[in-house]
Amino acid sequence: MLCSCGNEAFYYQKYSNRHLCKDCFKKDIERRAKKVLGKDIIRNNVKIGIGVSGGKDSLVMAYILKKLFENIPNSKLICFFVDEGIKGFREKAKEYVKEFCEEHNLDLKIIKFEDEIGYTLDEIIKNNYLSKLNIGKPCSFCGVVRRYLLNKYALKEGCDYLAIGHNLDDFCQTILMNYIEGNIKNIVQFGKEFEGEGFVKRIKPLKLIPEDEVRLYAEINNIRYQREPCPYSSLSYRHRMKKIIEILEKEKPGVKFSILRGYEKLLKYLNVKEEIRRCKICGFPCSGNLCKVCSWLRCFKTYPNHIKHSK
C-alpha cells in the first residue's frame, strides 16, 4: 500500500482512513502539535518550561518542541525533571532524561521531593503519612506535589508557558472519569487553565495525538524512554477507563476525537468562577487559606519555609 505522497506506507491510521509513510506520519504528528500551540505560542522571545518524566509522552513532547522552536529567534526551552525519590525506579528515568537533554542540547533542572518537602515519596509511604492525610493512593499525593513544584520552578525560571505531556487518551480518560463521577468542578478546571500572577500557563502539545501514535513516533525517531511503570501505580479506575475507551475506539475509530470535541463544546456553556486566594504559608495561588501542599506538610509537622515563591 502506498502513502498519498507515493512512498511505501508503513502505518494505517484508522480514524482518518489514511495509509502513511514514515515521513508523512512524522509530519502529521508535528502538524497537530503545532496546531494546538498556534502562533501565539510559537513566536519570538518566548521561554517554555517542559515537564519531563522520562516516559514516552514527555520526551516525545520535548523532541517536537525542540523541532518547532529550533529556528525561532530568542526562544528558550528548559526541561524540569521531578525526582520523587522512588528507589530503583526514578534513577533509571533520570538517566533517560539526562541522555535526551544532552543529545538535544536542552537545559535540565532536577527538582527533588526530598529537598522541597523534606521527604522522598518512599519515606512518606513508609511512614504511613498518606493515611494520616486520608489519601488512598500515592498517585493522588504525588500528582499534586509534582504540579506544584513544576509551576514553582517554571515561575522561578521566568517561563511564559509550562508544557505538559498529556496525550489524547489522557484527555479522554480524565473527561469521562470526571463526568461519570459527576465532578463538574474538576471537569471545568481540567479544561480551563488558571492564569495570572503565581501561575504559569500550561500547554499540552500532544492533546490531539493518540497514545499509540506517540509511542510509534518515539520508536521511529529512536527516542529512548523508560517503559517500566511506577511501582506505586496500580490497576486504578483510570486503567479501567482506558480499556473501555480502547474498546470504543476499536468499534468506532475516531471516538477519542469525538469525546474531546464534545467536551470542548460543553466548556463553552460552563462558566464556573472560583475565587483565587494566596496560601498563607508559601504564597501559592489556591482556593482556601492554604494550598494542598502546605496543608499536607502542616500535617507532617514541617513548615515549608524553603519552598516560598519568589516575590
C-alpha atoms as a PDB file:
ATOM      1  CA  MET A   1       0.000   0.000   0.000  1.00  0.00           C
ATOM      2  CA  LEU A   2       1.257   3.464  -0.893  1.00  0.00           C
ATOM      3  CA  CYS A   3       1.109   6.724   1.014  1.00  0.00           C
ATOM      4  CA  SER A   4      -0.566   9.675  -0.738  1.00  0.00           C
ATOM      5  CA  CYS A   5       2.939  11.055  -1.422  1.00  0.00           C
ATOM      6  CA  GLY A   6       3.803   7.947  -3.451  1.00  0.00           C
ATOM      7  CA  ASN A   7       6.153   6.325  -0.938  1.00  0.00           C
ATOM      8  CA  GLU A   8       5.506   2.952   0.651  1.00  0.00           C
ATOM      9  CA  ALA A   9       3.152   3.209   3.631  1.00  0.00           C
ATOM     10  CA  PHE A  10       4.109   1.718   6.987  1.00  0.00           C
ATOM     11  CA  TYR A  11       1.106   2.766   9.108  1.00  0.00           C
ATOM     12  CA  TYR A  12      -2.656   2.702   8.621  1.00  0.00           C
ATOM     13  CA  GLN A  13      -4.440   5.489  10.505  1.00  0.00           C
ATOM     14  CA  LYS A  14      -7.913   4.016  11.002  1.00  0.00           C
ATOM     15  CA  TYR A  15      -9.707   7.148  12.181  1.00  0.00           C
ATOM     16  CA  SER A  16      -8.597   9.101   9.068  1.00  0.00           C
ATOM     17  CA  ASN A  17      -8.618   6.092   6.701  1.00  0.00           C
ATOM     18  CA  ARG A  18      -5.122   7.028   5.509  1.00  0.00           C
ATOM     19  CA  HIS A  19      -2.012   4.982   4.790  1.00  0.00           C
ATOM     20  CA  LEU A  20       1.094   6.941   5.799  1.00  0.00           C
ATOM     21  CA  CYS A  21       4.802   6.582   5.111  1.00  0.00           C
ATOM     22  CA  LYS A  22       7.221   7.384   7.931  1.00  0.00           C
ATOM     23  CA  ASP A  23       7.910  10.936   6.773  1.00  0.00           C
ATOM     24  CA  CYS A  24       4.231  11.799   6.345  1.00  0.00           C
ATOM     25  CA  PHE A  25       3.413  10.197   9.686  1.00  0.00           C
ATOM     26  CA  LYS A  26       6.020  12.354  11.445  1.00  0.00           C
ATOM     27  CA  LYS A  27       4.802  15.476   9.662  1.00  0.00           C
ATOM     28  CA  ASP A  28       1.214  14.671  10.648  1.00  0.00           C
ATOM     29  CA  ILE A  29       2.136  14.361  14.336  1.00  0.00           C
ATOM     30  CA  GLU A  30       4.182  17.566  14.303  1.00  0.00           C
ATOM     31  CA  ARG A  31       1.450  19.440  12.413  1.00  0.00           C
ATOM     32  CA  ARG A  32      -1.105  18.570  15.086  1.00  0.00           C
ATOM     33  CA  ALA A  33       1.214  19.663  17.892  1.00  0.00           C
ATOM     34  CA  LYS A  34       1.823  22.924  16.036  1.00  0.00           C
ATOM     35  CA  LYS A  35      -1.933  23.393  15.601  1.00  0.00           C
ATOM     36  CA  VAL A  36      -2.517  23.073  19.358  1.00  0.00           C
ATOM     37  CA  LEU A  37       0.175  25.634  20.158  1.00  0.00           C
ATOM     38  CA  GLY A  38      -0.677  28.191  17.480  1.00  0.00           C
ATOM     39  CA  LYS A  39       1.091  31.407  16.508  1.00  0.00           C
ATOM     40  CA  ASP A  40       0.599  33.000  19.922  1.00  0.00           C
ATOM     41  CA  ILE A  41       2.975  30.453  21.450  1.00  0.00           C
ATOM     42  CA  ILE A  42       5.328  29.620  18.558  1.00  0.00           C
ATOM     43  CA  ARG A  43       6.856  33.085  18.342  1.00  0.00           C
ATOM     44  CA  ASN A  44       9.958  35.127  19.069  1.00  0.00           C
ATOM     45  CA  ASN A  45      11.080  35.858  22.626  1.00  0.00           C
ATOM     46  CA  VAL A  46       9.255  33.032  24.358  1.00  0.00           C
ATOM     47  CA  LYS A  47      10.512  30.778  27.153  1.00  0.00           C
ATOM     48  CA  ILE A  48       8.907  27.394  27.664  1.00  0.00           C
ATOM     49  CA  GLY A  49       9.373  25.047  30.593  1.00  0.00           C
ATOM     50  CA  ILE A  50       8.933  21.363  29.765  1.00  0.00           C
ATOM     51  CA  GLY A  51       7.911  18.828  32.379  1.00  0.00           C
ATOM     52  CA  VAL A  52       9.836  15.634  31.607  1.00  0.00           C
ATOM     53  CA  SER A  53       9.411  12.342  33.431  1.00  0.00           C
ATOM     54  CA  GLY A  54      11.499  10.003  31.294  1.00  0.00           C
ATOM     55  CA  GLY A  55       8.418   8.397  29.759  1.00  0.00           C
ATOM     56  CA  LYS A  56       7.460   8.397  26.085  1.00  0.00           C
ATOM     57  CA  ASP A  57       4.932  11.252  26.250  1.00  0.00           C
ATOM     58  CA  SER A  58       7.140  13.866  27.871  1.00  0.00           C
ATOM     59  CA  LEU A  59      10.221  13.045  25.782  1.00  0.00           C
ATOM     60  CA  VAL A  60       8.268  13.000  22.514  1.00  0.00           C
ATOM     61  CA  MET A  61       6.776  16.353  23.514  1.00  0.00           C
ATOM     62  CA  ALA A  62      10.239  17.764  24.240  1.00  0.00           C
ATOM     63  CA  TYR A  63      11.535  16.394  20.917  1.00  0.00           C
ATOM     64  CA  ILE A  64       8.696  18.035  18.958  1.00  0.00           C
ATOM     65  CA  LEU A  65       9.039  21.347  20.810  1.00  0.00           C
ATOM     66  CA  LYS A  66      12.757  21.353  20.041  1.00  0.00           C
ATOM     67  CA  LYS A  67      11.967  20.929  16.318  1.00  0.00           C
ATOM     68  CA  LEU A  68       9.244  23.586  16.315  1.00  0.00           C
ATOM     69  CA  PHE A  69      11.381  26.190  18.078  1.00  0.00           C
ATOM     70  CA  GLU A  70      14.839  25.473  16.654  1.00  0.00           C
ATOM     71  CA  ASN A  71      14.600  28.341  14.141  1.00  0.00           C
ATOM     72  CA  ILE A  72      12.581  30.756  16.279  1.00  0.00           C
ATOM     73  CA  PRO A  73      14.732  33.765  17.337  1.00  0.00           C
ATOM     74  CA  ASN A  74      15.275  34.317  21.060  1.00  0.00           C
ATOM     75  CA  SER A  75      13.224  31.278  22.071  1.00  0.00           C
ATOM     76  CA  LYS A  76      14.296  29.241  25.085  1.00  0.00           C
ATOM     77  CA  LEU A  77      13.397  25.728  26.250  1.00  0.00           C
ATOM     78  CA  ILE A  78      14.196  24.362  29.706  1.00  0.00           C
ATOM     79  CA  CYS A  79      13.322  20.891  30.989  1.00  0.00           C
ATOM     80  CA  PHE A  80      12.183  20.179  34.554  1.00  0.00           C
ATOM     81  CA  PHE A  81      12.513  16.679  35.996  1.00  0.00           C
ATOM     82  CA  VAL A  82      10.858  15.933  39.335  1.00  0.00           C
ATOM     83  CA  ASP A  83      12.643  13.218  41.316  1.00  0.00           C
ATOM     84  CA  GLU A  84      10.096  11.893  43.799  1.00  0.00           C
ATOM     85  CA  GLY A  85      12.613   9.591  45.432  1.00  0.00           C
ATOM     86  CA  ILE A  86      11.383   6.170  44.302  1.00  0.00           C
ATOM     87  CA  LYS A  87      14.362   3.868  44.761  1.00  0.00           C
ATOM     88  CA  GLY A  88      15.219   1.640  41.811  1.00  0.00           C
ATOM     89  CA  PHE A  89      12.774   3.433  39.518  1.00  0.00           C
ATOM     90  CA  ARG A  90      13.462   7.152  39.382  1.00  0.00           C
ATOM     91  CA  GLU A  91      17.211   6.705  38.870  1.00  0.00           C
ATOM     92  CA  LYS A  92      16.530   4.979  35.542  1.00  0.00           C
ATOM     93  CA  ALA A  93      14.119   7.690  34.433  1.00  0.00           C
ATOM     94  CA  LYS A  94      16.665  10.346  35.343  1.00  0.00           C
ATOM     95  CA  GLU A  95      19.286   8.706  33.147  1.00  0.00           C
ATOM     96  CA  TYR A  96      16.937   8.671  30.143  1.00  0.00           C
ATOM     97  CA  VAL A  97      16.151  12.356  30.700  1.00  0.00           C
ATOM     98  CA  LYS A  98      19.812  13.337  31.091  1.00  0.00           C
ATOM     99  CA  GLU A  99      20.747  11.405  27.957  1.00  0.00           C
ATOM    100  CA  PHE A 100      17.929  13.037  25.973  1.00  0.00           C
ATOM    101  CA  CYS A 101      18.726  16.579  27.128  1.00  0.00           C
ATOM    102  CA  GLU A 102      22.436  16.175  26.399  1.00  0.00           C
ATOM    103  CA  GLU A 103      21.733  14.774  22.929  1.00  0.00           C
ATOM    104  CA  HIS A 104      19.352  17.616  22.047  1.00  0.00           C
ATOM    105  CA  ASN A 105      21.212  20.406  23.841  1.00  0.00           C
ATOM    106  CA  LEU A 106      18.397  21.200  26.271  1.00  0.00           C
ATOM    107  CA  ASP A 107      18.875  22.742  29.697  1.00  0.00           C
ATOM    108  CA  LEU A 108      17.746  20.493  32.547  1.00  0.00           C
ATOM    109  CA  LYS A 109      16.709  21.315  36.106  1.00  0.00           C
ATOM    110  CA  ILE A 110      16.294  18.404  38.540  1.00  0.00           C
ATOM    111  CA  ILE A 111      13.832  19.010  41.385  1.00  0.00           C
ATOM    112  CA  LYS A 112      13.814  16.611  44.344  1.00  0.00           C
ATOM    113  CA  PHE A 113      10.926  15.870  46.690  1.00  0.00           C
ATOM    114  CA  GLU A 114      13.454  15.440  49.492  1.00  0.00           C
ATOM    115  CA  ASP A 115      14.843  18.958  49.020  1.00  0.00           C
ATOM    116  CA  GLU A 116      11.458  20.611  48.575  1.00  0.00           C
ATOM    117  CA  ILE A 117       9.163  18.916  51.093  1.00  0.00           C
ATOM    118  CA  GLY A 118      11.667  17.210  53.363  1.00  0.00           C
ATOM    119  CA  TYR A 119      10.823  13.624  52.402  1.00  0.00           C
ATOM    120  CA  THR A 120      11.122  11.221  49.498  1.00  0.00           C
ATOM    121  CA  LEU A 121       7.926   9.544  48.327  1.00  0.00           C
ATOM    122  CA  ASP A 122       9.339   6.246  49.618  1.00  0.00           C
ATOM    123  CA  GLU A 123       9.687   7.774  53.095  1.00  0.00           C
ATOM    124  CA  ILE A 124       6.194   9.268  53.005  1.00  0.00           C
ATOM    125  CA  ILE A 125       4.693   5.873  52.194  1.00  0.00           C
ATOM    126  CA  LYS A 126       6.926   4.004  54.639  1.00  0.00           C
ATOM    127  CA  ASN A 127       5.947   6.378  57.476  1.00  0.00           C
ATOM    128  CA  ASN A 128       2.258   5.902  56.628  1.00  0.00           C
ATOM    129  CA  TYR A 129       1.780   9.647  56.110  1.00  0.00           C
ATOM    130  CA  LEU A 130      -0.789   9.184  53.344  1.00  0.00           C
ATOM    131  CA  SER A 131      -3.303   7.545  55.662  1.00  0.00           C
ATOM    132  CA  LYS A 132      -2.893  10.479  58.067  1.00  0.00           C
ATOM    133  CA  LEU A 133      -3.898  12.767  55.209  1.00  0.00           C
ATOM    134  CA  ASN A 134      -6.817  10.492  54.214  1.00  0.00           C
ATOM    135  CA  ILE A 135      -5.186   9.930  50.822  1.00  0.00           C
ATOM    136  CA  GLY A 136      -5.926   6.499  49.423  1.00  0.00           C
ATOM    137  CA  LYS A 137      -3.280   6.211  46.714  1.00  0.00           C
ATOM    138  CA  PRO A 138       0.260   7.562  46.310  1.00  0.00           C
ATOM    139  CA  CYS A 139      -0.648   8.925  42.843  1.00  0.00           C
ATOM    140  CA  SER A 140      -3.111  11.398  44.391  1.00  0.00           C
ATOM    141  CA  PHE A 141      -0.401  12.899  46.600  1.00  0.00           C
ATOM    142  CA  CYS A 142       2.404  12.686  44.061  1.00  0.00           C
ATOM    143  CA  GLY A 143       0.420  14.328  41.247  1.00  0.00           C
ATOM    144  CA  VAL A 144      -0.479  17.388  43.309  1.00  0.00           C
ATOM    145  CA  VAL A 145       3.074  17.903  44.607  1.00  0.00           C
ATOM    146  CA  ARG A 146       4.568  17.416  41.142  1.00  0.00           C
ATOM    147  CA  ARG A 147       2.241  20.038  39.632  1.00  0.00           C
ATOM    148  CA  TYR A 148       3.055  22.401  42.484  1.00  0.00           C
ATOM    149  CA  LEU A 149       6.808  22.028  42.028  1.00  0.00           C
ATOM    150  CA  LEU A 150       6.718  22.279  38.233  1.00  0.00           C
ATOM    151  CA  ASN A 151       4.752  25.518  38.481  1.00  0.00           C
ATOM    152  CA  LYS A 152       7.080  26.819  41.188  1.00  0.00           C
ATOM    153  CA  TYR A 153      10.223  26.301  39.113  1.00  0.00           C
ATOM    154  CA  ALA A 154       8.668  27.425  35.829  1.00  0.00           C
ATOM    155  CA  LEU A 155       7.736  30.630  37.658  1.00  0.00           C
ATOM    156  CA  LYS A 156      11.205  30.910  39.177  1.00  0.00           C
ATOM    157  CA  GLU A 157      12.871  30.493  35.760  1.00  0.00           C
ATOM    158  CA  GLY A 158      10.622  33.124  34.165  1.00  0.00           C
ATOM    159  CA  CYS A 159       8.848  30.745  31.787  1.00  0.00           C
ATOM    160  CA  ASP A 160       5.962  32.050  29.714  1.00  0.00           C
ATOM    161  CA  TYR A 161       4.451  28.568  29.433  1.00  0.00           C
ATOM    162  CA  LEU A 162       4.781  25.154  31.045  1.00  0.00           C
ATOM    163  CA  ALA A 163       4.413  22.209  28.643  1.00  0.00           C
ATOM    164  CA  ILE A 164       2.811  19.023  29.961  1.00  0.00           C
ATOM    165  CA  GLY A 165       2.810  15.705  28.064  1.00  0.00           C
ATOM    166  CA  HIS A 166      -0.882  14.772  28.207  1.00  0.00           C
ATOM    167  CA  ASN A 167      -1.920  12.887  25.068  1.00  0.00           C
ATOM    168  CA  LEU A 168      -5.407  12.428  23.574  1.00  0.00           C
ATOM    169  CA  ASP A 169      -6.025   9.240  25.566  1.00  0.00           C
ATOM    170  CA  ASP A 170      -5.188  11.030  28.828  1.00  0.00           C
ATOM    171  CA  PHE A 171      -7.715  13.736  27.991  1.00  0.00           C
ATOM    172  CA  CYS A 172     -10.474  11.243  27.181  1.00  0.00           C
ATOM    173  CA  GLN A 173      -9.885   9.228  30.353  1.00  0.00           C
ATOM    174  CA  THR A 174      -9.997  12.316  32.569  1.00  0.00           C
ATOM    175  CA  ILE A 175     -13.089  13.717  30.850  1.00  0.00           C
ATOM    176  CA  LEU A 176     -15.107  10.507  31.186  1.00  0.00           C
ATOM    177  CA  MET A 177     -13.926   9.742  34.727  1.00  0.00           C
ATOM    178  CA  ASN A 178     -15.000  13.165  35.981  1.00  0.00           C
ATOM    179  CA  TYR A 179     -18.271  13.026  34.059  1.00  0.00           C
ATOM    180  CA  ILE A 180     -19.212   9.601  35.426  1.00  0.00           C
ATOM    181  CA  GLU A 181     -18.349  10.747  38.962  1.00  0.00           C
ATOM    182  CA  GLY A 182     -20.375  13.940  38.498  1.00  0.00           C
ATOM    183  CA  ASN A 183     -17.324  16.043  39.327  1.00  0.00           C
ATOM    184  CA  ILE A 184     -18.272  19.215  37.455  1.00  0.00           C
ATOM    185  CA  LYS A 185     -15.646  21.324  39.246  1.00  0.00           C
ATOM    186  CA  ASN A 186     -12.824  19.081  38.030  1.00  0.00           C
ATOM    187  CA  ILE A 187     -14.297  18.979  34.524  1.00  0.00           C
ATOM    188  CA  VAL A 188     -14.105  22.773  34.331  1.00  0.00           C
ATOM    189  CA  GLN A 189     -10.672  23.064  35.964  1.00  0.00           C
ATOM    190  CA  PHE A 190      -9.189  20.429  33.652  1.00  0.00           C
ATOM    191  CA  GLY A 191     -10.242  22.382  30.572  1.00  0.00           C
ATOM    192  CA  LYS A 192      -9.618  25.927  31.727  1.00  0.00           C
ATOM    193  CA  GLU A 193      -6.121  26.656  32.948  1.00  0.00           C
ATOM    194  CA  PHE A 194      -5.637  29.244  35.661  1.00  0.00           C
ATOM    195  CA  GLU A 195      -3.852  32.378  34.520  1.00  0.00           C
ATOM    196  CA  GLY A 196      -2.424  35.366  36.325  1.00  0.00           C
ATOM    197  CA  GLU A 197       0.169  36.078  38.979  1.00  0.00           C
ATOM    198  CA  GLY A 198       1.532  32.916  40.566  1.00  0.00           C
ATOM    199  CA  PHE A 199       0.525  30.606  37.714  1.00  0.00           C
ATOM    200  CA  VAL A 200       2.489  29.696  34.608  1.00  0.00           C
ATOM    201  CA  LYS A 201       0.008  28.853  31.859  1.00  0.00           C
ATOM    202  CA  ARG A 202       0.152  25.177  30.968  1.00  0.00           C
ATOM    203  CA  ILE A 203       0.165  23.976  27.368  1.00  0.00           C
ATOM    204  CA  LYS A 204      -0.423  20.430  26.127  1.00  0.00           C
ATOM    205  CA  PRO A 205       1.099  19.909  22.658  1.00  0.00           C
ATOM    206  CA  LEU A 206       0.097  16.212  22.474  1.00  0.00           C
ATOM    207  CA  LYS A 207      -3.586  16.940  23.044  1.00  0.00           C
ATOM    208  CA  LEU A 208      -4.605  15.769  19.551  1.00  0.00           C
ATOM    209  CA  ILE A 209      -2.273  12.757  19.384  1.00  0.00           C
ATOM    210  CA  PRO A 210      -3.408   9.257  20.464  1.00  0.00           C
ATOM    211  CA  GLU A 211      -1.130   7.345  22.819  1.00  0.00           C
ATOM    212  CA  ASP A 212      -0.264   4.615  20.329  1.00  0.00           C
ATOM    213  CA  GLU A 213       0.897   7.246  17.820  1.00  0.00           C
ATOM    214  CA  VAL A 214       3.046   8.929  20.479  1.00  0.00           C
ATOM    215  CA  ARG A 215       4.687   5.554  21.071  1.00  0.00           C
ATOM    216  CA  LEU A 216       5.199   4.958  17.346  1.00  0.00           C
ATOM    217  CA  TYR A 217       6.663   8.450  16.888  1.00  0.00           C
ATOM    218  CA  ALA A 218       9.162   7.719  19.681  1.00  0.00           C
ATOM    219  CA  GLU A 219      10.213   4.462  18.032  1.00  0.00           C
ATOM    220  CA  ILE A 220      10.793   5.827  14.526  1.00  0.00           C
ATOM    221  CA  ASN A 221      12.767   8.776  15.935  1.00  0.00           C
ATOM    222  CA  ASN A 222      14.868   6.496  18.172  1.00  0.00           C
ATOM    223  CA  ILE A 223      13.780   8.269  21.355  1.00  0.00           C
ATOM    224  CA  ARG A 224      14.818   6.118  24.310  1.00  0.00           C
ATOM    225  CA  TYR A 225      12.429   6.257  27.251  1.00  0.00           C
ATOM    226  CA  GLN A 226      11.526   4.409  30.429  1.00  0.00           C
ATOM    227  CA  ARG A 227       8.991   1.677  29.762  1.00  0.00           C
ATOM    228  CA  GLU A 228       8.592   0.269  33.278  1.00  0.00           C
ATOM    229  CA  PRO A 229       5.530   1.556  35.182  1.00  0.00           C
ATOM    230  CA  CYS A 230       5.883   3.269  38.535  1.00  0.00           C
ATOM    231  CA  PRO A 231       5.904   0.630  41.324  1.00  0.00           C
ATOM    232  CA  TYR A 232       3.249   2.619  43.195  1.00  0.00           C
ATOM    233  CA  SER A 233       0.808   2.643  40.294  1.00  0.00           C
ATOM    234  CA  SER A 234      -1.922   0.010  40.268  1.00  0.00           C
ATOM    235  CA  LEU A 235      -4.902  -1.189  38.252  1.00  0.00           C
ATOM    236  CA  SER A 236      -6.746   2.006  39.007  1.00  0.00           C
ATOM    237  CA  TYR A 237     -10.053   3.432  37.856  1.00  0.00           C
ATOM    238  CA  ARG A 238      -8.109   5.280  35.139  1.00  0.00           C
ATOM    239  CA  HIS A 239      -6.686   1.995  33.893  1.00  0.00           C
ATOM    240  CA  ARG A 240     -10.177   0.503  33.597  1.00  0.00           C
ATOM    241  CA  MET A 241     -11.416   3.628  31.817  1.00  0.00           C
ATOM    242  CA  LYS A 242      -8.512   3.293  29.386  1.00  0.00           C
ATOM    243  CA  LYS A 243      -9.652  -0.230  28.487  1.00  0.00           C
ATOM    244  CA  ILE A 244     -13.238   0.948  27.941  1.00  0.00           C
ATOM    245  CA  ILE A 245     -12.099   3.732  25.601  1.00  0.00           C
ATOM    246  CA  GLU A 246      -9.906   1.278  23.675  1.00  0.00           C
ATOM    247  CA  ILE A 247     -12.958  -0.929  23.075  1.00  0.00           C
ATOM    248  CA  LEU A 248     -14.982   2.065  21.874  1.00  0.00           C
ATOM    249  CA  GLU A 249     -12.160   3.214  19.583  1.00  0.00           C
ATOM    250  CA  LYS A 250     -11.857  -0.253  18.058  1.00  0.00           C
ATOM    251  CA  GLU A 251     -15.597  -0.340  17.308  1.00  0.00           C
ATOM    252  CA  LYS A 252     -15.754   3.269  16.128  1.00  0.00           C
ATOM    253  CA  PRO A 253     -12.373   4.719  15.035  1.00  0.00           C
ATOM    254  CA  GLY A 254     -12.153   8.401  15.900  1.00  0.00           C
ATOM    255  CA  VAL A 255     -14.309   8.230  19.032  1.00  0.00           C
ATOM    256  CA  LYS A 256     -11.458   9.719  21.095  1.00  0.00           C
ATOM    257  CA  PHE A 257     -11.541  12.871  18.998  1.00  0.00           C
ATOM    258  CA  SER A 258     -15.341  12.931  19.350  1.00  0.00           C
ATOM    259  CA  ILE A 259     -15.053  12.790  23.147  1.00  0.00           C
ATOM    260  CA  LEU A 260     -12.605  15.693  23.133  1.00  0.00           C
ATOM    261  CA  ARG A 261     -14.660  17.805  20.706  1.00  0.00           C
ATOM    262  CA  GLY A 262     -17.834  17.235  22.703  1.00  0.00           C
ATOM    263  CA  TYR A 263     -16.056  18.230  25.896  1.00  0.00           C
ATOM    264  CA  GLU A 264     -14.706  21.435  24.364  1.00  0.00           C
ATOM    265  CA  LYS A 265     -18.208  22.358  23.171  1.00  0.00           C
ATOM    266  CA  LEU A 266     -19.552  21.711  26.672  1.00  0.00           C
ATOM    267  CA  LEU A 267     -16.927  24.002  28.220  1.00  0.00           C
ATOM    268  CA  LYS A 268     -18.354  26.954  26.315  1.00  0.00           C
ATOM    269  CA  TYR A 269     -21.571  26.624  28.311  1.00  0.00           C
ATOM    270  CA  LEU A 270     -19.868  26.184  31.685  1.00  0.00           C
ATOM    271  CA  ASN A 271     -18.911  29.382  33.442  1.00  0.00           C
ATOM    272  CA  VAL A 272     -17.850  28.365  36.939  1.00  0.00           C
ATOM    273  CA  LYS A 273     -15.737  31.053  38.561  1.00  0.00           C
ATOM    274  CA  GLU A 274     -13.642  30.310  41.609  1.00  0.00           C
ATOM    275  CA  GLU A 275     -12.113  32.899  43.911  1.00  0.00           C
ATOM    276  CA  ILE A 276      -8.335  32.683  43.871  1.00  0.00           C
ATOM    277  CA  ARG A 277      -6.569  33.407  47.142  1.00  0.00           C
ATOM    278  CA  ARG A 278      -2.971  33.140  48.322  1.00  0.00           C
ATOM    279  CA  CYS A 279      -1.634  30.368  50.528  1.00  0.00           C
ATOM    280  CA  LYS A 280      -0.742  31.918  53.901  1.00  0.00           C
ATOM    281  CA  ILE A 281       2.440  29.849  54.135  1.00  0.00           C
ATOM    282  CA  CYS A 282       4.023  29.779  50.664  1.00  0.00           C
ATOM    283  CA  GLY A 283       2.028  32.405  48.757  1.00  0.00           C
ATOM    284  CA  PHE A 284       0.891  29.929  46.091  1.00  0.00           C
ATOM    285  CA  PRO A 285      -2.498  30.704  44.486  1.00  0.00           C
ATOM    286  CA  CYS A 286      -5.253  28.484  45.921  1.00  0.00           C
ATOM    287  CA  SER A 287      -8.974  28.432  46.714  1.00  0.00           C
ATOM    288  CA  GLY A 288      -8.642  28.401  50.521  1.00  0.00           C
ATOM    289  CA  ASN A 289      -6.295  29.710  53.194  1.00  0.00           C
ATOM    290  CA  LEU A 290      -3.668  27.042  52.499  1.00  0.00           C
ATOM    291  CA  CYS A 291      -2.695  25.266  49.295  1.00  0.00           C
ATOM    292  CA  LYS A 292      -2.886  21.476  49.381  1.00  0.00           C
ATOM    293  CA  VAL A 293       0.865  21.003  49.622  1.00  0.00           C
ATOM    294  CA  CYS A 294       1.260  23.278  52.633  1.00  0.00           C
ATOM    295  CA  SER A 295      -1.783  21.815  54.363  1.00  0.00           C
ATOM    296  CA  TRP A 296      -0.261  18.357  53.933  1.00  0.00           C
ATOM    297  CA  LEU A 297       3.145  19.479  55.121  1.00  0.00           C
ATOM    298  CA  ARG A 298       1.490  21.032  58.137  1.00  0.00           C
ATOM    299  CA  CYS A 299       0.213  17.585  58.998  1.00  0.00           C
ATOM    300  CA  PHE A 300       3.792  16.344  58.698  1.00  0.00           C
ATOM    301  CA  LYS A 301       4.734  18.942  61.349  1.00  0.00           C
ATOM    302  CA  THR A 302       7.022  20.564  58.760  1.00  0.00           C
ATOM    303  CA  TYR A 303       6.517  24.157  57.686  1.00  0.00           C
ATOM    304  CA  PRO A 304       7.879  24.688  54.148  1.00  0.00           C
ATOM    305  CA  ASN A 305       9.839  27.919  54.616  1.00  0.00           C
ATOM    306  CA  HIS A 306      12.268  26.607  51.996  1.00  0.00           C
ATOM    307  CA  ILE A 307       9.615  26.483  49.248  1.00  0.00           C
ATOM    308  CA  LYS A 308       8.417  30.087  49.394  1.00  0.00           C
ATOM    309  CA  HIS A 309       7.772  31.553  45.956  1.00  0.00           C
ATOM    310  CA  SER A 310       9.872  34.405  44.733  1.00  0.00           C
ATOM    311  CA  LYS A 311       8.028  37.685  45.106  1.00  0.00           C
END
